[in-house]
Protein backbone atom coordinates (compact mmCIF):
# COMPACT_ATOMS: atom_id res chain seq x y z
CA MET A 1 79.81 88.37 71.35
CA SER A 2 83.48 87.92 71.34
CA SER A 3 85.12 90.29 68.56
CA SER A 4 89.23 89.78 69.84
CA VAL A 5 90.30 86.85 72.50
CA THR A 6 93.37 85.93 73.59
CA PHE A 7 94.13 82.47 74.57
CA VAL A 8 97.70 81.85 77.17
CA TRP A 9 99.21 78.79 76.48
CA ASP A 10 103.05 77.79 76.66
CA GLU A 11 103.90 74.09 77.18
CA ARG A 12 106.00 75.06 80.19
CA LEU A 13 102.86 75.31 82.32
CA ALA A 14 102.81 72.07 82.94
CA GLY A 15 106.34 72.52 84.88
CA TYR A 16 103.71 73.37 87.66
CA ASP A 17 103.74 69.92 88.81
CA PHE A 18 103.17 68.53 92.78
CA GLY A 19 104.27 65.38 91.78
CA PRO A 20 102.90 62.23 90.42
CA SER A 21 100.63 61.51 93.18
CA HIS A 22 98.89 65.14 93.81
CA PRO A 23 95.50 65.79 91.97
CA LEU A 24 96.28 68.97 90.87
CA ALA A 25 98.04 66.84 87.65
CA PRO A 26 98.84 69.28 85.28
CA ILE A 27 97.84 66.47 82.51
CA ARG A 28 94.48 68.15 83.33
CA VAL A 29 95.10 71.52 81.46
CA GLU A 30 96.79 70.04 78.71
CA LEU A 31 93.78 67.69 78.38
CA ALA A 32 91.55 70.69 78.24
CA VAL A 33 94.17 72.55 75.66
CA ARG A 34 94.00 69.82 73.29
CA LEU A 35 90.32 69.79 73.44
CA ALA A 36 89.60 73.04 72.58
CA ARG A 37 92.60 72.86 69.80
CA ASP A 38 90.66 69.73 68.48
CA LEU A 39 87.48 71.24 68.51
CA GLY A 40 88.98 73.70 66.02
CA LEU A 41 88.39 76.63 69.25
CA LEU A 42 91.45 78.04 68.63
CA ASP A 43 91.90 78.24 64.88
CA LEU A 44 89.36 81.20 64.75
CA PRO A 45 90.63 84.23 62.92
CA HIS A 46 90.35 86.81 66.01
CA VAL A 47 91.94 84.30 68.46
CA VAL A 48 95.43 84.96 68.90
CA GLU A 49 97.41 82.62 71.03
CA VAL A 50 100.32 83.95 72.90
CA THR A 51 102.82 82.59 75.24
CA ALA A 52 104.57 84.07 78.40
CA GLU A 53 107.11 85.06 80.50
CA PRO A 54 107.57 84.24 84.20
CA ALA A 55 105.92 86.82 86.58
CA THR A 56 108.66 89.12 88.05
CA ASP A 57 109.55 90.11 91.62
CA ASP A 58 107.85 93.59 91.27
CA GLU A 59 104.78 91.85 90.01
CA LEU A 60 104.24 89.05 92.06
CA ARG A 61 104.82 91.71 95.22
CA LEU A 62 101.75 92.95 93.88
CA VAL A 63 100.13 90.41 96.35
CA HIS A 64 102.78 88.67 98.03
CA SER A 65 105.40 89.93 100.53
CA GLN A 66 109.26 89.50 99.23
CA ARG A 67 110.16 87.58 102.32
CA TYR A 68 107.14 84.99 100.72
CA LEU A 69 109.06 85.02 97.86
CA ASP A 70 112.32 84.20 99.20
CA ALA A 71 110.94 81.88 101.03
CA VAL A 72 109.94 79.94 97.79
CA ARG A 73 112.84 80.43 96.40
CA ARG A 74 114.67 78.70 98.90
CA ALA A 75 112.15 75.69 99.06
CA GLY A 76 112.50 74.91 95.22
CA GLU A 77 116.45 74.69 95.64
CA ASN A 78 115.72 72.06 98.23
CA PRO A 79 113.01 69.86 97.42
CA HIS A 80 113.64 68.39 101.29
CA THR A 81 112.14 71.83 102.67
CA MET A 82 109.45 71.97 105.33
CA ASP A 83 108.57 75.36 106.01
CA LEU A 84 105.30 75.30 107.95
CA LEU A 85 105.30 79.50 108.43
CA HIS A 86 105.08 79.88 104.36
CA GLY A 87 102.64 77.13 103.73
CA LEU A 88 105.25 74.97 101.99
CA GLY A 89 105.73 71.28 102.08
CA THR A 90 103.18 70.31 103.39
CA ASP A 91 100.70 67.70 101.59
CA ASP A 92 98.80 69.77 99.83
CA ASP A 93 101.09 71.95 98.82
CA PRO A 94 104.62 70.12 98.84
CA VAL A 95 108.17 71.12 97.45
CA PHE A 96 109.49 70.85 93.89
CA VAL A 97 112.18 71.43 92.21
CA GLY A 98 112.20 74.77 90.38
CA MET A 99 108.59 75.95 92.46
CA HIS A 100 109.45 79.74 92.37
CA GLU A 101 109.54 79.54 88.56
CA ALA A 102 106.76 77.25 87.52
CA SER A 103 104.83 79.26 89.82
CA ALA A 104 105.84 82.66 88.50
CA LEU A 105 105.38 81.62 84.78
CA VAL A 106 101.70 80.50 85.75
CA VAL A 107 100.96 84.37 87.28
CA GLY A 108 103.17 85.43 84.16
CA ALA A 109 100.10 84.13 82.05
CA SER A 110 97.59 85.58 83.44
CA LEU A 111 99.01 88.83 83.62
CA ALA A 112 99.54 88.78 79.82
CA ALA A 113 95.95 87.78 79.46
CA ALA A 114 94.56 90.95 81.84
CA ARG A 115 97.63 93.28 79.91
CA ALA A 116 95.17 92.17 76.81
CA VAL A 117 92.08 93.19 78.07
CA VAL A 118 93.12 96.40 79.50
CA SER A 119 95.08 97.22 76.88
CA GLY A 120 92.39 97.09 74.59
CA ARG A 121 94.21 94.74 72.41
CA SER A 122 91.51 91.71 72.74
CA GLU A 123 87.82 92.13 74.41
CA HIS A 124 88.58 88.56 76.18
CA ALA A 125 91.30 86.53 77.43
CA VAL A 126 91.83 82.69 78.77
CA ASN A 127 94.36 81.44 80.75
CA LEU A 128 93.14 77.93 81.85
CA ALA A 129 96.60 77.10 84.32
CA GLY A 130 95.49 79.94 86.07
CA GLY A 131 93.22 80.31 88.88
CA LEU A 132 95.17 79.93 91.93
CA HIS A 133 93.10 81.23 93.99
CA HIS A 134 94.06 80.31 97.63
CA ALA A 135 97.40 81.40 98.12
CA MET A 136 97.86 84.53 100.83
CA PRO A 137 100.09 87.26 100.86
CA GLU A 138 102.99 85.20 103.09
CA SER A 139 101.90 81.62 102.53
CA ALA A 140 100.68 78.48 100.06
CA SER A 141 97.99 77.38 100.65
CA GLY A 142 94.96 74.66 98.69
CA PHE A 143 97.71 73.62 96.15
CA CYS A 144 98.17 76.98 95.71
CA ILE A 145 101.75 78.70 95.97
CA TYR A 146 101.11 82.39 94.01
CA ASN A 147 98.17 84.09 93.61
CA ASP A 148 97.43 84.78 90.17
CA ALA A 149 93.95 85.76 90.24
CA ALA A 150 94.94 88.54 92.39
CA ALA A 151 98.02 89.63 90.70
CA ALA A 152 95.66 90.13 87.01
CA ILE A 153 93.53 92.24 89.57
CA ALA A 154 96.23 94.23 91.15
CA SER A 155 97.99 94.58 87.95
CA ALA A 156 94.71 96.10 86.13
CA LEU A 157 94.15 98.64 89.23
CA ALA A 158 97.91 99.52 88.81
CA THR A 159 97.19 100.81 84.93
CA GLY A 160 94.52 103.03 86.20
CA VAL A 161 91.26 100.52 85.94
CA GLU A 162 89.20 101.96 88.96
CA ARG A 163 86.97 98.88 89.60
CA VAL A 164 87.25 95.07 88.75
CA ALA A 165 84.53 92.73 89.64
CA TYR A 166 86.00 89.38 90.71
CA VAL A 167 83.54 85.69 90.62
CA ASP A 168 84.99 82.91 91.58
CA VAL A 169 82.70 79.43 91.07
CA ASP A 170 84.87 76.65 92.33
CA VAL A 171 83.65 74.74 94.79
CA HIS A 172 86.16 75.87 97.43
CA HIS A 173 85.85 79.41 98.84
CA GLY A 174 88.60 81.86 96.57
CA ASP A 175 89.65 82.42 100.39
CA GLY A 176 92.76 83.91 99.11
CA THR A 177 92.03 86.74 96.57
CA GLU A 178 89.57 87.81 99.01
CA ARG A 179 91.62 88.09 101.35
CA ILE A 180 94.16 90.62 99.22
CA PHE A 181 90.99 92.62 98.25
CA TRP A 182 89.31 92.61 101.79
CA ASP A 183 89.74 96.30 102.42
CA ASP A 184 90.26 97.57 98.82
CA PRO A 185 87.04 99.06 97.77
CA ARG A 186 87.94 99.22 94.01
CA VAL A 187 87.18 95.23 93.61
CA LEU A 188 84.22 93.33 94.36
CA THR A 189 84.80 88.74 95.30
CA ILE A 190 81.96 86.96 94.62
CA SER A 191 82.70 83.62 95.58
CA LEU A 192 79.63 80.57 95.07
CA HIS A 193 81.26 77.46 96.79
CA GLU A 194 80.06 74.42 99.05
CA SER A 195 79.81 75.97 102.70
CA GLY A 196 83.15 76.10 104.46
CA ARG A 197 81.18 74.00 107.16
CA PHE A 198 81.71 70.71 105.39
CA LEU A 199 84.61 71.43 102.89
CA PHE A 200 88.43 72.93 102.59
CA PRO A 201 89.13 75.75 103.51
CA GLY A 202 86.50 76.32 106.44
CA THR A 203 85.84 79.86 105.51
CA GLY A 204 83.32 82.18 103.07
CA PHE A 205 80.33 82.51 104.65
CA ALA A 206 77.67 84.81 104.31
CA THR A 207 78.63 87.15 107.36
CA ASP A 208 81.83 87.82 105.64
CA ILE A 209 81.53 90.80 103.87
CA GLY A 210 84.64 92.42 103.57
CA GLY A 211 87.05 95.51 105.86
CA ALA A 212 85.73 98.54 107.05
CA SER A 213 86.62 100.29 103.61
CA ALA A 214 85.44 97.44 101.53
CA GLU A 215 81.70 96.27 103.38
CA GLY A 216 79.67 94.65 100.73
CA LEU A 217 82.25 93.75 98.39
CA ALA A 218 83.42 91.00 99.62
CA VAL A 219 80.42 88.38 98.82
CA ASN A 220 80.17 84.84 99.54
CA VAL A 221 77.85 82.05 99.04
CA ALA A 222 77.90 78.93 100.77
CA LEU A 223 76.42 76.48 99.54
CA PRO A 224 74.80 72.97 101.08
CA PRO A 225 75.92 70.01 99.81
CA GLY A 226 74.47 67.62 97.08
CA THR A 227 73.49 71.44 95.19
CA GLY A 228 72.82 70.56 91.50
CA ASP A 229 72.39 72.16 88.42
CA GLU A 230 68.87 73.92 89.22
CA GLY A 231 70.03 75.30 92.53
CA TRP A 232 73.52 76.48 91.70
CA LEU A 233 72.39 77.90 88.92
CA ARG A 234 68.96 80.02 91.06
CA ALA A 235 71.74 80.82 94.02
CA PHE A 236 74.09 82.50 91.03
CA ASP A 237 71.49 84.41 89.77
CA ALA A 238 70.09 85.38 92.96
CA VAL A 239 73.20 86.93 93.91
CA VAL A 240 75.67 87.61 90.78
CA PRO A 241 73.82 89.47 88.63
CA PRO A 242 72.23 92.48 90.61
CA LEU A 243 75.57 92.90 92.36
CA LEU A 244 77.34 93.22 89.02
CA ALA A 245 74.95 96.10 87.94
CA SER A 246 75.35 98.10 90.84
CA PHE A 247 79.37 97.87 91.10
CA SER A 248 79.36 98.32 87.43
CA PRO A 249 82.92 97.23 87.22
CA GLN A 250 85.61 97.77 84.36
CA LEU A 251 86.77 94.45 84.38
CA LEU A 252 85.43 91.01 84.77
CA VAL A 253 87.62 88.33 86.12
CA THR A 254 86.13 85.05 86.33
CA GLN A 255 87.84 81.70 88.30
CA HIS A 256 86.14 78.54 86.98
CA GLY A 257 87.40 75.67 88.93
CA CYS A 258 85.57 72.73 88.15
CA ASP A 259 85.34 70.32 90.96
CA SER A 260 81.47 71.59 91.74
CA HIS A 261 80.61 68.52 89.47
CA ARG A 262 79.15 65.47 90.50
CA LEU A 263 82.30 63.28 89.95
CA ASP A 264 84.91 65.39 91.73
CA PRO A 265 86.43 63.10 94.20
CA LEU A 266 87.50 66.24 96.33
CA ALA A 267 83.92 68.01 97.22
CA HIS A 268 79.92 67.24 97.24
CA LEU A 269 78.02 69.19 94.94
CA GLU A 270 76.26 67.49 92.27
CA LEU A 271 76.43 70.00 88.95
CA THR A 272 77.03 68.55 85.69
CA ILE A 273 78.97 69.75 82.28
CA ASP A 274 76.06 71.65 81.03
CA GLY A 275 75.32 73.59 84.39
CA GLN A 276 78.70 74.24 84.49
CA ARG A 277 78.64 75.85 80.82
CA THR A 278 75.36 77.40 81.47
CA ALA A 279 76.88 79.10 84.17
CA TYR A 280 79.93 80.24 81.41
CA ALA A 281 77.52 81.80 78.98
CA ALA A 282 75.68 83.45 82.08
CA LEU A 283 79.28 85.33 82.87
CA HIS A 284 79.71 85.91 79.52
CA ALA A 285 76.81 87.89 78.96
CA LEU A 286 77.47 89.59 82.65
CA ALA A 287 81.20 90.95 81.43
CA HIS A 288 79.30 92.17 77.76
CA ALA A 289 76.03 93.63 80.27
CA HIS A 290 78.53 94.84 83.02
CA ALA A 291 81.82 95.36 81.86
CA ASP A 292 81.91 96.77 78.27
CA GLY A 293 82.76 93.13 77.11
CA ARG A 294 86.11 93.51 78.82
CA TRP A 295 86.69 89.71 80.64
CA VAL A 296 89.94 87.72 82.02
CA ALA A 297 88.71 83.80 82.72
CA LEU A 298 91.06 81.66 83.99
CA GLY A 299 90.77 78.14 85.32
CA GLY A 300 91.42 76.74 88.90
CA GLY A 301 90.42 73.55 90.09
CA GLY A 302 89.01 69.83 89.26
CA TYR A 303 90.29 66.91 89.82
CA GLU A 304 88.22 64.17 87.64
CA ARG A 305 91.04 64.87 85.05
CA VAL A 306 89.18 62.86 81.93
CA GLU A 307 85.66 63.02 82.11
CA VAL A 308 85.23 66.32 83.44
CA VAL A 309 88.42 69.04 83.19
CA PRO A 310 88.86 68.88 79.72
CA ARG A 311 85.06 69.06 78.79
CA ALA A 312 83.90 72.20 81.10
CA TRP A 313 87.34 74.13 79.63
CA ALA A 314 86.58 73.69 76.50
CA HIS A 315 83.29 74.74 76.83
CA LEU A 316 84.87 77.54 78.66
CA VAL A 317 86.95 78.03 75.72
CA GLY A 318 84.01 77.87 73.56
CA GLU A 319 82.17 80.43 75.31
CA VAL A 320 85.23 82.76 75.73
CA VAL A 321 85.87 83.28 71.53
CA GLY A 322 81.87 83.17 71.04
CA ARG A 323 81.63 79.62 69.33
CA PRO A 324 79.69 77.70 71.98
CA VAL A 325 80.06 74.14 71.92
CA PRO A 326 76.59 72.65 71.10
CA PRO A 327 76.14 69.88 73.97
CA GLN A 328 74.85 67.42 71.70
CA THR A 329 78.81 67.52 70.07
CA ALA A 330 80.66 64.16 70.05
CA VAL A 331 84.40 64.27 71.22
CA PRO A 332 86.72 64.26 68.61
CA ALA A 333 88.14 61.26 67.83
CA SER A 334 91.70 62.28 67.58
CA TRP A 335 91.09 63.55 71.23
CA LEU A 336 89.78 60.37 72.64
CA ALA A 337 93.09 58.56 70.97
CA TYR A 338 94.82 60.64 72.67
CA VAL A 339 93.80 59.74 75.83
CA THR A 340 94.11 56.02 75.58
CA GLU A 341 97.53 56.28 74.17
CA ARG A 342 98.65 59.02 77.30
CA LEU A 343 96.56 57.77 79.81
CA ALA A 344 95.25 54.11 79.05
CA ARG A 345 91.82 54.84 79.82
CA ARG A 346 88.89 55.66 77.73
CA GLY A 347 87.35 59.08 77.27
CA PRO A 348 83.93 60.30 76.82
CA VAL A 349 82.30 60.51 73.67
CA SER A 350 79.86 63.47 74.14
CA MET A 351 80.10 67.11 75.54
CA SER A 352 77.15 67.01 77.33
CA ASP A 353 76.08 64.95 80.25
CA GLY A 354 72.45 64.97 79.30
CA PRO A 355 70.85 67.37 81.13
CA ASP A 356 69.61 70.52 79.49
CA PRO A 357 69.74 72.75 82.70
CA VAL A 358 67.63 76.25 82.61
CA LEU A 359 69.22 79.48 84.28
CA ARG A 360 65.86 79.95 86.79
CA ARG A 361 65.54 83.09 87.70
CA TRP A 362 65.26 84.13 91.72
CA THR A 363 61.74 85.77 92.64
CA SER A 364 60.96 87.95 95.71
CA GLY A 365 60.92 86.05 98.70
CA ALA A 366 62.94 82.29 100.05
CA ASP A 367 61.55 79.06 100.98
CA HIS A 368 63.10 79.05 104.25
CA ASP A 369 62.56 74.95 104.70
CA ASP A 370 64.72 74.59 101.74
CA PRO A 371 68.71 75.27 102.65
CA LEU A 372 69.92 76.10 99.40
CA ASP A 373 67.33 79.36 99.53
CA ARG A 374 68.24 79.82 103.58
CA ALA A 375 72.17 80.18 102.25
CA VAL A 376 71.19 82.67 99.58
CA HIS A 377 69.22 84.53 101.47
CA ALA A 378 71.59 84.78 103.99
CA THR A 379 73.78 86.19 101.22
CA ARG A 380 71.40 88.47 100.29
CA MET A 381 70.70 90.06 103.81
CA ALA A 382 74.86 90.38 104.38
CA VAL A 383 75.61 92.29 101.33
CA PHE A 384 72.41 94.07 99.87
CA PRO A 385 71.70 97.01 101.76
CA LEU A 386 75.15 98.06 101.53
CA HIS A 387 74.79 98.45 97.45
CA GLY A 388 71.69 100.01 97.94
CA LEU A 389 69.49 96.88 97.01
CA ASP A 390 66.61 95.38 98.46
CA PRO A 391 67.31 91.73 99.53
CA HIS A 392 63.88 90.32 99.50
CA TRP A 393 62.88 91.75 95.95
CA ASP A 394 64.27 89.92 92.51
């Protein structure tokens, strides 16, 4: 189901680096790219690997103010800056030299991915270094300086795309991207995340449904802590397919933070690698069913840098390029040797955590004694009627 794919990678993307003690370490993306390469996923004849250039100020101003761009530039020239007005110099978003240039390159990579798909050069595209979904129009937030996902969407709209759907499966609410398109009827944003009652950024509840011009186009599924593969996939099925069918996007942009995994140190969901790869397959199928196959896939969060991020995103790449990695596949010895050499750690030996999850269909009704069902039901009640959908039926 993948006729042509653009894979965007540039070793300079590792320059988006908040320092050795920060959770968002660039090594996690480097290891994911290397694992995808060692699995042979980037050698397929229909896969084109490209580099990117940093986004220009004009491109960044699609989603950010010039005042904020100037603040990021100033901060990157003085690593001792603390600019709380713009969220810079905090523990989450410490200042580093060249911060503007490194952040603009991440945006440039997502713009390259989006343009490859919108232009028709590729059916699908992926930027694993992207997915910085917390950045706001005038401030950094949650490890994110510039919002590459929003910039990719805005660039597509600027070229004439009329409807873009954005599905965010990171464990944290995709608040920045939602905020930027809060009142834009051309963009449907769907975020499935651990409830803000328990996790940063403390937002993204079922009743957050968009502005006056776009009611029902911001969709939030706030999942209870401890949600595992079966519950997560059931919630996904209850919300995402019917809304995409109703909205009929011309482009699907997805954010694939893999911090929903049970080993992630910053959150409290219980997904496995296998549940995550099942979600990637579902999104791939939905891109073909509802967006004529036009799909841009981005990375995101994920902080277990050896056991989780590389395997999860290698599965994502396999799905994007149309060669899903069988779960029983052994992790290549070449990759394991590199991990040992680079990090003095043993890596996982299998591309699976063991389970074989099934995407269970949501059927009519909800079990109101079940916290997951209550969360899903709240989302459907809040937004389905605004799309002409019955929230009580599948």
